[in-house]
Amino acid sequence: LDKKVRHDKQTQIFIETPYRNNQLVNDLLSKCSAST
């Protein structure tokens, strides 16, 4: 998804089970480009 954002300029929209929201953001922060 991070690659799609950078290469295609396509906004990626998604959801998570509410009790995993915080973990998802931690994963995004660790895996995505700092400028995303």
Full PDB file with SEQRES, HELIX, SHEET, SSBOND, CRYST1, ORIGX, SCALE, CONECT and MASTER records, all heavy atoms in Angstrom:
SEQRES   1 A   36  LEU ASP LYS LYS VAL ARG HIS ASP LYS GLN THR GLN ILE          
SEQRES   2 A   36  PHE ILE GLU THR PRO TYR ARG ASN ASN GLN LEU VAL ASN          
SEQRES   3 A   36  ASP LEU LEU SER LYS CYS SER ALA SER THR                      
HELIX    1 AA1 ASP A    2  ASP A    8  1                                   7    
HELIX    2 AA2 PRO A   18  ARG A   20  5                                   3    
HELIX    3 AA3 ASN A   21  LYS A   31  1                                  11    
CRYST1    1.000    1.000    1.000  90.00  90.00  90.00 P 1           1          
ORIGX1      1.000000  0.000000  0.000000        0.00000                         
ORIGX2      0.000000  1.000000  0.000000        0.00000                         
ORIGX3      0.000000  0.000000  1.000000        0.00000                         
SCALE1      1.000000  0.000000  0.000000        0.00000                         
SCALE2      0.000000  1.000000  0.000000        0.00000                         
SCALE3      0.000000  0.000000  1.000000        0.00000                         
ATOM      1  N   LEU A   1       0.824  -1.202   0.000  1.00  0.00           N  
ATOM      2  CA  LEU A   1       0.000   0.000   0.000  1.00  0.00           C  
ATOM      3  C   LEU A   1       0.863   1.258   0.000  1.00  0.00           C  
ATOM      4  O   LEU A   1       0.553   2.239  -0.682  1.00  0.00           O  
ATOM      5  CB  LEU A   1      -0.932   0.006   1.214  1.00  0.00           C  
ATOM      6  CG  LEU A   1      -1.965  -1.130   1.285  1.00  0.00           C  
ATOM      7  CD1 LEU A   1      -2.810  -0.987   2.547  1.00  0.00           C  
ATOM      8  CD2 LEU A   1      -2.837  -1.140   0.042  1.00  0.00           C  
ATOM      9  N   ASP A   2       1.941   1.222   0.751  1.00  0.00           N  
ATOM     10  CA  ASP A   2       2.866   2.354   0.793  1.00  0.00           C  
ATOM     11  C   ASP A   2       3.464   2.600  -0.596  1.00  0.00           C  
ATOM     12  O   ASP A   2       3.606   3.741  -1.037  1.00  0.00           O  
ATOM     13  CB  ASP A   2       3.965   2.072   1.820  1.00  0.00           C  
ATOM     14  CG  ASP A   2       4.859   3.276   2.065  1.00  0.00           C  
ATOM     15  OD1 ASP A   2       4.325   4.394   2.200  1.00  0.00           O  
ATOM     16  OD2 ASP A   2       6.092   3.097   2.128  1.00  0.00           O  
ATOM     17  N   LYS A   3       3.768   1.512  -1.295  1.00  0.00           N  
ATOM     18  CA  LYS A   3       4.322   1.618  -2.655  1.00  0.00           C  
ATOM     19  C   LYS A   3       3.279   2.206  -3.612  1.00  0.00           C  
ATOM     20  O   LYS A   3       3.607   3.046  -4.459  1.00  0.00           O  
ATOM     21  CB  LYS A   3       4.771   0.243  -3.129  1.00  0.00           C  
ATOM     22  CG  LYS A   3       5.407   0.242  -4.517  1.00  0.00           C  
ATOM     23  CD  LYS A   3       5.876  -1.160  -4.895  1.00  0.00           C  
ATOM     24  CE  LYS A   3       6.486  -1.169  -6.289  1.00  0.00           C  
ATOM     25  NZ  LYS A   3       6.934  -2.548  -6.673  1.00  0.00           N  
ATOM     26  N   LYS A   4       2.021   1.767  -3.480  1.00  0.00           N  
ATOM     27  CA  LYS A   4       0.949   2.285  -4.340  1.00  0.00           C  
ATOM     28  C   LYS A   4       0.785   3.793  -4.150  1.00  0.00           C  
ATOM     29  O   LYS A   4       0.563   4.533  -5.115  1.00  0.00           O  
ATOM     30  CB  LYS A   4      -0.373   1.591  -4.008  1.00  0.00           C  
ATOM     31  CG  LYS A   4      -0.471   0.158  -4.457  1.00  0.00           C  
ATOM     32  CD  LYS A   4      -0.673   0.048  -5.966  1.00  0.00           C  
ATOM     33  CE  LYS A   4      -2.053   0.486  -6.390  1.00  0.00           C  
ATOM     34  NZ  LYS A   4      -2.267   0.292  -7.853  1.00  0.00           N  
ATOM     35  N   VAL A   5       0.891   4.226  -2.907  1.00  0.00           N  
ATOM     36  CA  VAL A   5       0.763   5.650  -2.610  1.00  0.00           C  
ATOM     37  C   VAL A   5       1.855   6.444  -3.305  1.00  0.00           C  
ATOM     38  O   VAL A   5       1.603   7.473  -3.954  1.00  0.00           O  
ATOM     39  CB  VAL A   5       0.819   5.891  -1.083  1.00  0.00           C  
ATOM     40  CG1 VAL A   5       1.050   7.360  -0.775  1.00  0.00           C  
ATOM     41  CG2 VAL A   5      -0.472   5.408  -0.428  1.00  0.00           C  
ATOM     42  N   ARG A   6       3.079   5.960  -3.188  1.00  0.00           N  
ATOM     43  CA  ARG A   6       4.220   6.702  -3.725  1.00  0.00           C  
ATOM     44  C   ARG A   6       4.313   6.628  -5.248  1.00  0.00           C  
ATOM     45  O   ARG A   6       4.644   7.614  -5.898  1.00  0.00           O  
ATOM     46  CB  ARG A   6       5.515   6.205  -3.082  1.00  0.00           C  
ATOM     47  CG  ARG A   6       5.652   6.635  -1.619  1.00  0.00           C  
ATOM     48  CD  ARG A   6       6.941   6.212  -0.961  1.00  0.00           C  
ATOM     49  NE  ARG A   6       6.958   4.779  -0.628  1.00  0.00           N  
ATOM     50  CZ  ARG A   6       7.707   3.882  -1.225  1.00  0.00           C  
ATOM     51  NH1 ARG A   6       8.525   4.248  -2.200  1.00  0.00           N  
ATOM     52  NH2 ARG A   6       7.665   2.620  -0.859  1.00  0.00           N  
ATOM     53  N   HIS A   7       4.031   5.469  -5.827  1.00  0.00           N  
ATOM     54  CA  HIS A   7       4.195   5.284  -7.277  1.00  0.00           C  
ATOM     55  C   HIS A   7       2.969   5.729  -8.068  1.00  0.00           C  
ATOM     56  O   HIS A   7       3.094   6.293  -9.154  1.00  0.00           O  
ATOM     57  CB  HIS A   7       4.490   3.820  -7.590  1.00  0.00           C  
ATOM     58  CG  HIS A   7       5.867   3.405  -7.167  1.00  0.00           C  
ATOM     59  ND1 HIS A   7       6.468   2.226  -7.585  1.00  0.00           N  
ATOM     60  CD2 HIS A   7       6.777   4.007  -6.363  1.00  0.00           C  
ATOM     61  CE1 HIS A   7       7.670   2.127  -7.057  1.00  0.00           C  
ATOM     62  NE2 HIS A   7       7.878   3.194  -6.307  1.00  0.00           N  
ATOM     63  N   ASP A   8       1.762   5.465  -7.538  1.00  0.00           N  
ATOM     64  CA  ASP A   8       0.536   5.752  -8.299  1.00  0.00           C  
ATOM     65  C   ASP A   8      -0.231   6.964  -7.786  1.00  0.00           C  
ATOM     66  O   ASP A   8      -1.249   7.336  -8.370  1.00  0.00           O  
ATOM     67  CB  ASP A   8      -0.394   4.529  -8.266  1.00  0.00           C  
ATOM     68  CG  ASP A   8       0.240   3.295  -8.870  1.00  0.00           C  
ATOM     69  OD1 ASP A   8       1.202   3.446  -9.654  1.00  0.00           O  
ATOM     70  OD2 ASP A   8      -0.228   2.182  -8.565  1.00  0.00           O  
ATOM     71  N   LYS A   9       0.232   7.552  -6.686  1.00  0.00           N  
ATOM     72  CA  LYS A   9      -0.473   8.681  -6.070  1.00  0.00           C  
ATOM     73  C   LYS A   9      -1.926   8.316  -5.749  1.00  0.00           C  
ATOM     74  O   LYS A   9      -2.824   9.152  -5.826  1.00  0.00           O  
ATOM     75  CB  LYS A   9      -0.436   9.913  -6.993  1.00  0.00           C  
ATOM     76  CG  LYS A   9       0.946  10.295  -7.498  1.00  0.00           C  
ATOM     77  CD  LYS A   9       1.903  10.595  -6.357  1.00  0.00           C  
ATOM     78  CE  LYS A   9       3.288  10.983  -6.898  1.00  0.00           C  
ATOM     79  NZ  LYS A   9       4.275  11.174  -5.811  1.00  0.00           N  
ATOM     80  N   GLN A  10      -2.139   7.068  -5.373  1.00  0.00           N  
ATOM     81  CA  GLN A  10      -3.485   6.575  -5.082  1.00  0.00           C  
ATOM     82  C   GLN A  10      -3.694   6.487  -3.577  1.00  0.00           C  
ATOM     83  O   GLN A  10      -2.950   5.817  -2.870  1.00  0.00           O  
ATOM     84  CB  GLN A  10      -3.697   5.194  -5.709  1.00  0.00           C  
ATOM     85  CG  GLN A  10      -5.106   4.643  -5.518  1.00  0.00           C  
ATOM     86  CD  GLN A  10      -5.257   3.249  -6.099  1.00  0.00           C  
ATOM     87  OE1 GLN A  10      -4.713   2.286  -5.560  1.00  0.00           O  
ATOM     88  NE2 GLN A  10      -5.992   3.151  -7.200  1.00  0.00           N  
ATOM     89  N   THR A  11      -4.719   7.161  -3.074  1.00  0.00           N  
ATOM     90  CA  THR A  11      -5.038   7.105  -1.655  1.00  0.00           C  
ATOM     91  C   THR A  11      -5.537   5.705  -1.301  1.00  0.00           C  
ATOM     92  O   THR A  11      -6.394   5.153  -1.983  1.00  0.00           O  
ATOM     93  CB  THR A  11      -6.130   8.134  -1.302  1.00  0.00           C  
ATOM     94  OG1 THR A  11      -5.654   9.450  -1.628  1.00  0.00           O  
ATOM     95  CG2 THR A  11      -6.474   8.081   0.184  1.00  0.00           C  
ATOM     96  N   GLN A  12      -4.994   5.146  -0.221  1.00  0.00           N  
ATOM     97  CA  GLN A  12      -5.381   3.809   0.226  1.00  0.00           C  
ATOM     98  C   GLN A  12      -6.204   3.941   1.509  1.00  0.00           C  
ATOM     99  O   GLN A  12      -5.748   4.542   2.487  1.00  0.00           O  
ATOM    100  CB  GLN A  12      -4.139   2.953   0.489  1.00  0.00           C  
ATOM    101  CG  GLN A  12      -3.207   2.848  -0.714  1.00  0.00           C  
ATOM    102  CD  GLN A  12      -3.866   2.172  -1.908  1.00  0.00           C  
ATOM    103  OE1 GLN A  12      -4.500   1.127  -1.764  1.00  0.00           O  
ATOM    104  NE2 GLN A  12      -3.700   2.762  -3.086  1.00  0.00           N  
ATOM    105  N   ILE A  13      -7.415   3.389   1.496  1.00  0.00           N  
ATOM    106  CA  ILE A  13      -8.336   3.497   2.629  1.00  0.00           C  
ATOM    107  C   ILE A  13      -8.593   2.110   3.202  1.00  0.00           C  
ATOM    108  O   ILE A  13      -8.874   1.174   2.453  1.00  0.00           O  
ATOM    109  CB  ILE A  13      -9.675   4.130   2.185  1.00  0.00           C  
ATOM    110  CG1 ILE A  13      -9.417   5.434   1.419  1.00  0.00           C  
ATOM    111  CG2 ILE A  13     -10.585   4.379   3.385  1.00  0.00           C  
ATOM    112  CD1 ILE A  13     -10.655   6.018   0.770  1.00  0.00           C  
ATOM    113  N   PHE A  14      -8.510   1.968   4.525  1.00  0.00           N  
ATOM    114  CA  PHE A  14      -8.707   0.651   5.117  1.00  0.00           C  
ATOM    115  C   PHE A  14      -9.166   0.773   6.562  1.00  0.00           C  
ATOM    116  O   PHE A  14      -9.175   1.858   7.146  1.00  0.00           O  
ATOM    117  CB  PHE A  14      -7.427  -0.192   5.029  1.00  0.00           C  
ATOM    118  CG  PHE A  14      -6.167   0.522   5.431  1.00  0.00           C  
ATOM    119  CD1 PHE A  14      -5.703   0.472   6.727  1.00  0.00           C  
ATOM    120  CD2 PHE A  14      -5.453   1.264   4.491  1.00  0.00           C  
ATOM    121  CE1 PHE A  14      -4.539   1.123   7.101  1.00  0.00           C  
ATOM    122  CE2 PHE A  14      -4.281   1.923   4.850  1.00  0.00           C  
ATOM    123  CZ  PHE A  14      -3.828   1.857   6.158  1.00  0.00           C  
ATOM    124  N   ILE A  15      -9.550  -0.362   7.119  1.00  0.00           N  
ATOM    125  CA  ILE A  15     -10.058  -0.399   8.490  1.00  0.00           C  
ATOM    126  C   ILE A  15      -9.406  -1.545   9.244  1.00  0.00           C  
ATOM    127  O   ILE A  15      -8.723  -2.390   8.662  1.00  0.00           O  
ATOM    128  CB  ILE A  15     -11.602  -0.564   8.519  1.00  0.00           C  
ATOM    129  CG1 ILE A  15     -12.026  -1.780   7.678  1.00  0.00           C  
ATOM    130  CG2 ILE A  15     -12.284   0.695   8.038  1.00  0.00           C  
ATOM    131  CD1 ILE A  15     -13.527  -2.022   7.655  1.00  0.00           C  
ATOM    132  N   GLU A  16      -9.660  -1.577  10.533  1.00  0.00           N  
ATOM    133  CA  GLU A  16      -9.124  -2.633  11.388  1.00  0.00           C  
ATOM    134  C   GLU A  16     -10.147  -2.934  12.474  1.00  0.00           C  
ATOM    135  O   GLU A  16     -10.993  -2.089  12.808  1.00  0.00           O  
ATOM    136  CB  GLU A  16      -7.792  -2.185  12.001  1.00  0.00           C  
ATOM    137  CG  GLU A  16      -7.143  -3.156  12.974  1.00  0.00           C  
ATOM    138  CD  GLU A  16      -6.868  -4.538  12.384  1.00  0.00           C  
ATOM    139  OE1 GLU A  16      -7.851  -5.273  12.157  1.00  0.00           O  
ATOM    140  OE2 GLU A  16      -5.696  -4.882  12.175  1.00  0.00           O  
ATOM    141  N   THR A  17     -10.095  -4.143  13.012  1.00  0.00           N  
ATOM    142  CA  THR A  17     -10.918  -4.470  14.166  1.00  0.00           C  
ATOM    143  C   THR A  17     -10.555  -3.492  15.284  1.00  0.00           C  
ATOM    144  O   THR A  17      -9.367  -3.319  15.582  1.00  0.00           O  
ATOM    145  CB  THR A  17     -10.658  -5.919  14.616  1.00  0.00           C  
ATOM    146  OG1 THR A  17     -10.936  -6.792  13.517  1.00  0.00           O  
ATOM    147  CG2 THR A  17     -11.532  -6.280  15.799  1.00  0.00           C  
ATOM    148  N   PRO A  18     -11.550  -2.818  15.902  1.00  0.00           N  
ATOM    149  CA  PRO A  18     -11.265  -1.731  16.850  1.00  0.00           C  
ATOM    150  C   PRO A  18     -10.235  -2.019  17.928  1.00  0.00           C  
ATOM    151  O   PRO A  18      -9.458  -1.140  18.287  1.00  0.00           O  
ATOM    152  CB  PRO A  18     -12.644  -1.441  17.451  1.00  0.00           C  
ATOM    153  CG  PRO A  18     -13.587  -1.743  16.338  1.00  0.00           C  
ATOM    154  CD  PRO A  18     -13.003  -2.960  15.661  1.00  0.00           C  
ATOM    155  N   TYR A  19     -10.181  -3.262  18.434  1.00  0.00           N  
ATOM    156  CA  TYR A  19      -9.219  -3.517  19.508  1.00  0.00           C  
ATOM    157  C   TYR A  19      -7.788  -3.674  18.982  1.00  0.00           C  
ATOM    158  O   TYR A  19      -6.841  -3.799  19.768  1.00  0.00           O  
ATOM    159  CB  TYR A  19      -9.637  -4.727  20.349  1.00  0.00           C  
ATOM    160  CG  TYR A  19      -9.617  -6.060  19.644  1.00  0.00           C  
ATOM    161  CD1 TYR A  19      -8.439  -6.799  19.548  1.00  0.00           C  
ATOM    162  CD2 TYR A  19     -10.772  -6.598  19.087  1.00  0.00           C  
ATOM    163  CE1 TYR A  19      -8.411  -8.026  18.909  1.00  0.00           C  
ATOM    164  CE2 TYR A  19     -10.756  -7.827  18.451  1.00  0.00           C  
ATOM    165  CZ  TYR A  19      -9.573  -8.541  18.361  1.00  0.00           C  
ATOM    166  OH  TYR A  19      -9.557  -9.755  17.716  1.00  0.00           O  
ATOM    167  N   ARG A  20      -7.620  -3.670  17.646  1.00  0.00           N  
ATOM    168  CA  ARG A  20      -6.273  -3.737  17.062  1.00  0.00           C  
ATOM    169  C   ARG A  20      -5.842  -2.422  16.416  1.00  0.00           C  
ATOM    170  O   ARG A  20      -4.811  -2.363  15.746  1.00  0.00           O  
ATOM    171  CB  ARG A  20      -6.188  -4.875  16.038  1.00  0.00           C  
ATOM    172  CG  ARG A  20      -6.145  -6.268  16.642  1.00  0.00           C  
ATOM    173  CD  ARG A  20      -5.620  -7.299  15.638  1.00  0.00           C  
ATOM    174  NE  ARG A  20      -6.555  -7.493  14.536  1.00  0.00           N  
ATOM    175  CZ  ARG A  20      -7.424  -8.499  14.452  1.00  0.00           C  
ATOM    176  NH1 ARG A  20      -7.478  -9.404  15.411  1.00  0.00           N  
ATOM    177  NH2 ARG A  20      -8.226  -8.613  13.413  1.00  0.00           N  
ATOM    178  N   ASN A  21      -6.613  -1.373  16.603  1.00  0.00           N  
ATOM    179  CA  ASN A  21      -6.292  -0.083  15.981  1.00  0.00           C  
ATOM    180  C   ASN A  21      -4.902   0.422  16.347  1.00  0.00           C  
ATOM    181  O   ASN A  21      -4.121   0.836  15.488  1.00  0.00           O  
ATOM    182  CB  ASN A  21      -7.318   0.984  16.395  1.00  0.00           C  
ATOM    183  CG  ASN A  21      -8.632   0.858  15.660  1.00  0.00           C  
ATOM    184  OD1 ASN A  21      -8.699   0.361  14.544  1.00  0.00           O  
ATOM    185  ND2 ASN A  21      -9.706   1.326  16.293  1.00  0.00           N  
ATOM    186  N   ASN A  22      -4.600   0.414  17.637  1.00  0.00           N  
ATOM    187  CA  ASN A  22      -3.315   0.953  18.086  1.00  0.00           C  
ATOM    188  C   ASN A  22      -2.141   0.159  17.508  1.00  0.00           C  
ATOM    189  O   ASN A  22      -1.125   0.743  17.101  1.00  0.00           O  
ATOM    190  CB  ASN A  22      -3.244   0.949  19.614  1.00  0.00           C  
ATOM    191  CG  ASN A  22      -4.182   1.976  20.239  1.00  0.00           C  
ATOM    192  OD1 ASN A  22      -4.514   2.981  19.623  1.00  0.00           O  
ATOM    193  ND2 ASN A  22      -4.622   1.719  21.460  1.00  0.00           N  
ATOM    194  N   GLN A  23      -2.287  -1.148  17.454  1.00  0.00           N  
ATOM    195  CA  GLN A  23      -1.218  -1.983  16.909  1.00  0.00           C  
ATOM    196  C   GLN A  23      -1.030  -1.716  15.420  1.00  0.00           C  
ATOM    197  O   GLN A  23       0.099  -1.701  14.910  1.00  0.00           O  
ATOM    198  CB  GLN A  23      -1.532  -3.465  17.131  1.00  0.00           C  
ATOM    199  CG  GLN A  23      -0.446  -4.420  16.633  1.00  0.00           C  
ATOM    200  CD  GLN A  23       0.909  -4.138  17.253  1.00  0.00           C  
ATOM    201  OE1 GLN A  23       1.024  -4.063  18.469  1.00  0.00           O  
ATOM    202  NE2 GLN A  23       1.935  -3.960  16.431  1.00  0.00           N  
ATOM    203  N   LEU A  24      -2.134  -1.498  14.715  1.00  0.00           N  
ATOM    204  CA  LEU A  24      -2.027  -1.220  13.279  1.00  0.00           C  
ATOM    205  C   LEU A  24      -1.219   0.045  13.028  1.00  0.00           C  
ATOM    206  O   LEU A  24      -0.340   0.074  12.149  1.00  0.00           O  
ATOM    207  CB  LEU A  24      -3.416  -1.086  12.654  1.00  0.00           C  
ATOM    208  CG  LEU A  24      -3.432  -0.643  11.183  1.00  0.00           C  
ATOM    209  CD1 LEU A  24      -2.622  -1.611  10.319  1.00  0.00           C  
ATOM    210  CD2 LEU A  24      -4.847  -0.520  10.659  1.00  0.00           C  
ATOM    211  N   VAL A  25      -1.495   1.093  13.786  1.00  0.00           N  
ATOM    212  CA  VAL A  25      -0.752   2.336  13.589  1.00  0.00           C  
ATOM    213  C   VAL A  25       0.728   2.135  13.896  1.00  0.00           C  
ATOM    214  O   VAL A  25       1.596   2.661  13.190  1.00  0.00           O  
ATOM    215  CB  VAL A  25      -1.334   3.475  14.446  1.00  0.00           C  
ATOM    216  CG1 VAL A  25      -0.428   4.704  14.389  1.00  0.00           C  
ATOM    217  CG2 VAL A  25      -2.716   3.851  13.936  1.00  0.00           C  
ATOM    218  N   ASN A  26       1.033   1.356  14.916  1.00  0.00           N  
ATOM    219  CA  ASN A  26       2.441   1.052  15.215  1.00  0.00           C  
ATOM    220  C   ASN A  26       3.098   0.346  14.035  1.00  0.00           C  
ATOM    221  O   ASN A  26       4.252   0.637  13.687  1.00  0.00           O  
ATOM    222  CB  ASN A  26       2.543   0.171  16.467  1.00  0.00           C  
ATOM    223  CG  ASN A  26       2.203   0.927  17.739  1.00  0.00           C  
ATOM    224  OD1 ASN A  26       2.329   2.154  17.784  1.00  0.00           O  
ATOM    225  ND2 ASN A  26       1.778   0.211  18.774  1.00  0.00           N  
ATOM    226  N   ASP A  27       2.366  -0.569  13.411  1.00  0.00           N  
ATOM    227  CA  ASP A  27       2.900  -1.289  12.247  1.00  0.00           C  
ATOM    228  C   ASP A  27       3.090  -0.341  11.068  1.00  0.00           C  
ATOM    229  O   ASP A  27       4.088  -0.436  10.337  1.00  0.00           O  
ATOM    230  CB  ASP A  27       1.958  -2.430  11.850  1.00  0.00           C  
ATOM    231  CG  ASP A  27       1.906  -3.538  12.892  1.00  0.00           C  
ATOM    232  OD1 ASP A  27       2.851  -3.635  13.695  1.00  0.00           O  
ATOM    233  OD2 ASP A  27       0.916  -4.297  12.900  1.00  0.00           O  
ATOM    234  N   LEU A  28       2.150   0.568  10.870  1.00  0.00           N  
ATOM    235  CA  LEU A  28       2.268   1.534   9.777  1.00  0.00           C  
ATOM    236  C   LEU A  28       3.478   2.437   9.979  1.00  0.00           C  
ATOM    237  O   LEU A  28       4.237   2.712   9.046  1.00  0.00           O  
ATOM    238  CB  LEU A  28       0.995   2.398   9.697  1.00  0.00           C  
ATOM    239  CG  LEU A  28      -0.295   1.687   9.269  1.00  0.00           C  
ATOM    240  CD1 LEU A  28      -1.492   2.626   9.455  1.00  0.00           C  
ATOM    241  CD2 LEU A  28      -0.222   1.234   7.819  1.00  0.00           C  
ATOM    242  N   LEU A  29       3.679   2.878  11.212  1.00  0.00           N  
ATOM    243  CA  LEU A  29       4.807   3.765  11.512  1.00  0.00           C  
ATOM    244  C   LEU A  29       6.149   3.074  11.287  1.00  0.00           C  
ATOM    245  O   LEU A  29       7.128   3.715  10.902  1.00  0.00           O  
ATOM    246  CB  LEU A  29       4.710   4.260  12.954  1.00  0.00           C  
ATOM    247  CG  LEU A  29       3.574   5.232  13.269  1.00  0.00           C  
ATOM    248  CD1 LEU A  29       3.515   5.538  14.754  1.00  0.00           C  
ATOM    249  CD2 LEU A  29       3.727   6.523  12.463  1.00  0.00           C  
ATOM    250  N   SER A  30       6.173   1.765  11.515  1.00  0.00           N  
ATOM    251  CA  SER A  30       7.444   1.044  11.381  1.00  0.00           C  
ATOM    252  C   SER A  30       7.713   0.569   9.954  1.00  0.00           C  
ATOM    253  O   SER A  30       8.877   0.340   9.596  1.00  0.00           O  
ATOM    254  CB  SER A  30       7.468  -0.162  12.331  1.00  0.00           C  
ATOM    255  OG  SER A  30       6.499  -1.118  11.954  1.00  0.00           O  
ATOM    256  N   LYS A  31       6.677   0.453   9.120  1.00  0.00           N  
ATOM    257  CA  LYS A  31       6.864  -0.122   7.783  1.00  0.00           C  
ATOM    258  C   LYS A  31       6.762   0.890   6.645  1.00  0.00           C  
ATOM    259  O   LYS A  31       7.305   0.661   5.562  1.00  0.00           O  
ATOM    260  CB  LYS A  31       5.825  -1.227   7.537  1.00  0.00           C  
ATOM    261  CG  LYS A  31       5.821  -2.334   8.579  1.00  0.00           C  
ATOM    262  CD  LYS A  31       7.157  -3.056   8.669  1.00  0.00           C  
ATOM    263  CE  LYS A  31       7.102  -4.158   9.737  1.00  0.00           C  
ATOM    264  NZ  LYS A  31       8.441  -4.799   9.915  1.00  0.00           N  
ATOM    265  N   CYS A  32       6.084   2.003   6.860  1.00  0.00           N  
ATOM    266  CA  CYS A  32       5.869   2.975   5.788  1.00  0.00           C  
ATOM    267  C   CYS A  32       6.995   4.003   5.729  1.00  0.00           C  
ATOM    268  O   CYS A  32       7.695   4.246   6.713  1.00  0.00           O  
ATOM    269  CB  CYS A  32       4.539   3.701   5.977  1.00  0.00           C  
ATOM    270  SG  CYS A  32       3.082   2.676   5.726  1.00  0.00           S  
ATOM    271  N   SER A  33       7.104   4.632   4.568  1.00  0.00           N  
ATOM    272  CA  SER A  33       8.081   5.704   4.396  1.00  0.00           C  
ATOM    273  C   SER A  33       7.754   6.859   5.327  1.00  0.00           C  
ATOM    274  O   SER A  33       6.579   7.142   5.598  1.00  0.00           O  
ATOM    275  CB  SER A  33       8.056   6.184   2.946  1.00  0.00           C  
ATOM    276  OG  SER A  33       8.788   7.375   2.793  1.00  0.00           O  
ATOM    277  N   ALA A  34       8.775   7.537   5.821  1.00  0.00           N  
ATOM    278  CA  ALA A  34       8.586   8.649   6.766  1.00  0.00           C  
ATOM    279  C   ALA A  34       7.770   9.783   6.158  1.00  0.00           C  
ATOM    280  O   ALA A  34       7.085  10.523   6.861  1.00  0.00           O  
ATOM    281  CB  ALA A  34       9.933   9.173   7.233  1.00  0.00           C  
ATOM    282  N   SER A  35       7.808   9.909   4.819  1.00  0.00           N  
ATOM    283  CA  SER A  35       7.091  11.006   4.148  1.00  0.00           C  
ATOM    284  C   SER A  35       5.660  10.640   3.769  1.00  0.00           C  
ATOM    285  O   SER A  35       4.883  11.515   3.369  1.00  0.00           O  
ATOM    286  CB  SER A  35       7.850  11.420   2.886  1.00  0.00           C  
ATOM    287  OG  SER A  35       7.937  10.324   1.978  1.00  0.00           O  
ATOM    288  N   THR A  36       5.292   9.369   3.897  1.00  0.00           N  
ATOM    289  CA  THR A  36       3.921   8.958   3.586  1.00  0.00           C  
ATOM    290  C   THR A  36       2.965   9.586   4.587  1.00  0.00           C  
ATOM    291  O   THR A  36       3.229   9.614   5.788  1.00  0.00           O  
ATOM    292  CB  THR A  36       3.779   7.421   3.641  1.00  0.00           C  
ATOM    293  OG1 THR A  36       4.624   6.840   2.640  1.00  0.00           O  
ATOM    294  CG2 THR A  36       2.339   6.993   3.387  1.00  0.00           C  
TER     295      THR A  36                                                      
MASTER        0    0    0    3    0    0    0    6  294    1    0    3          
END                                                                             
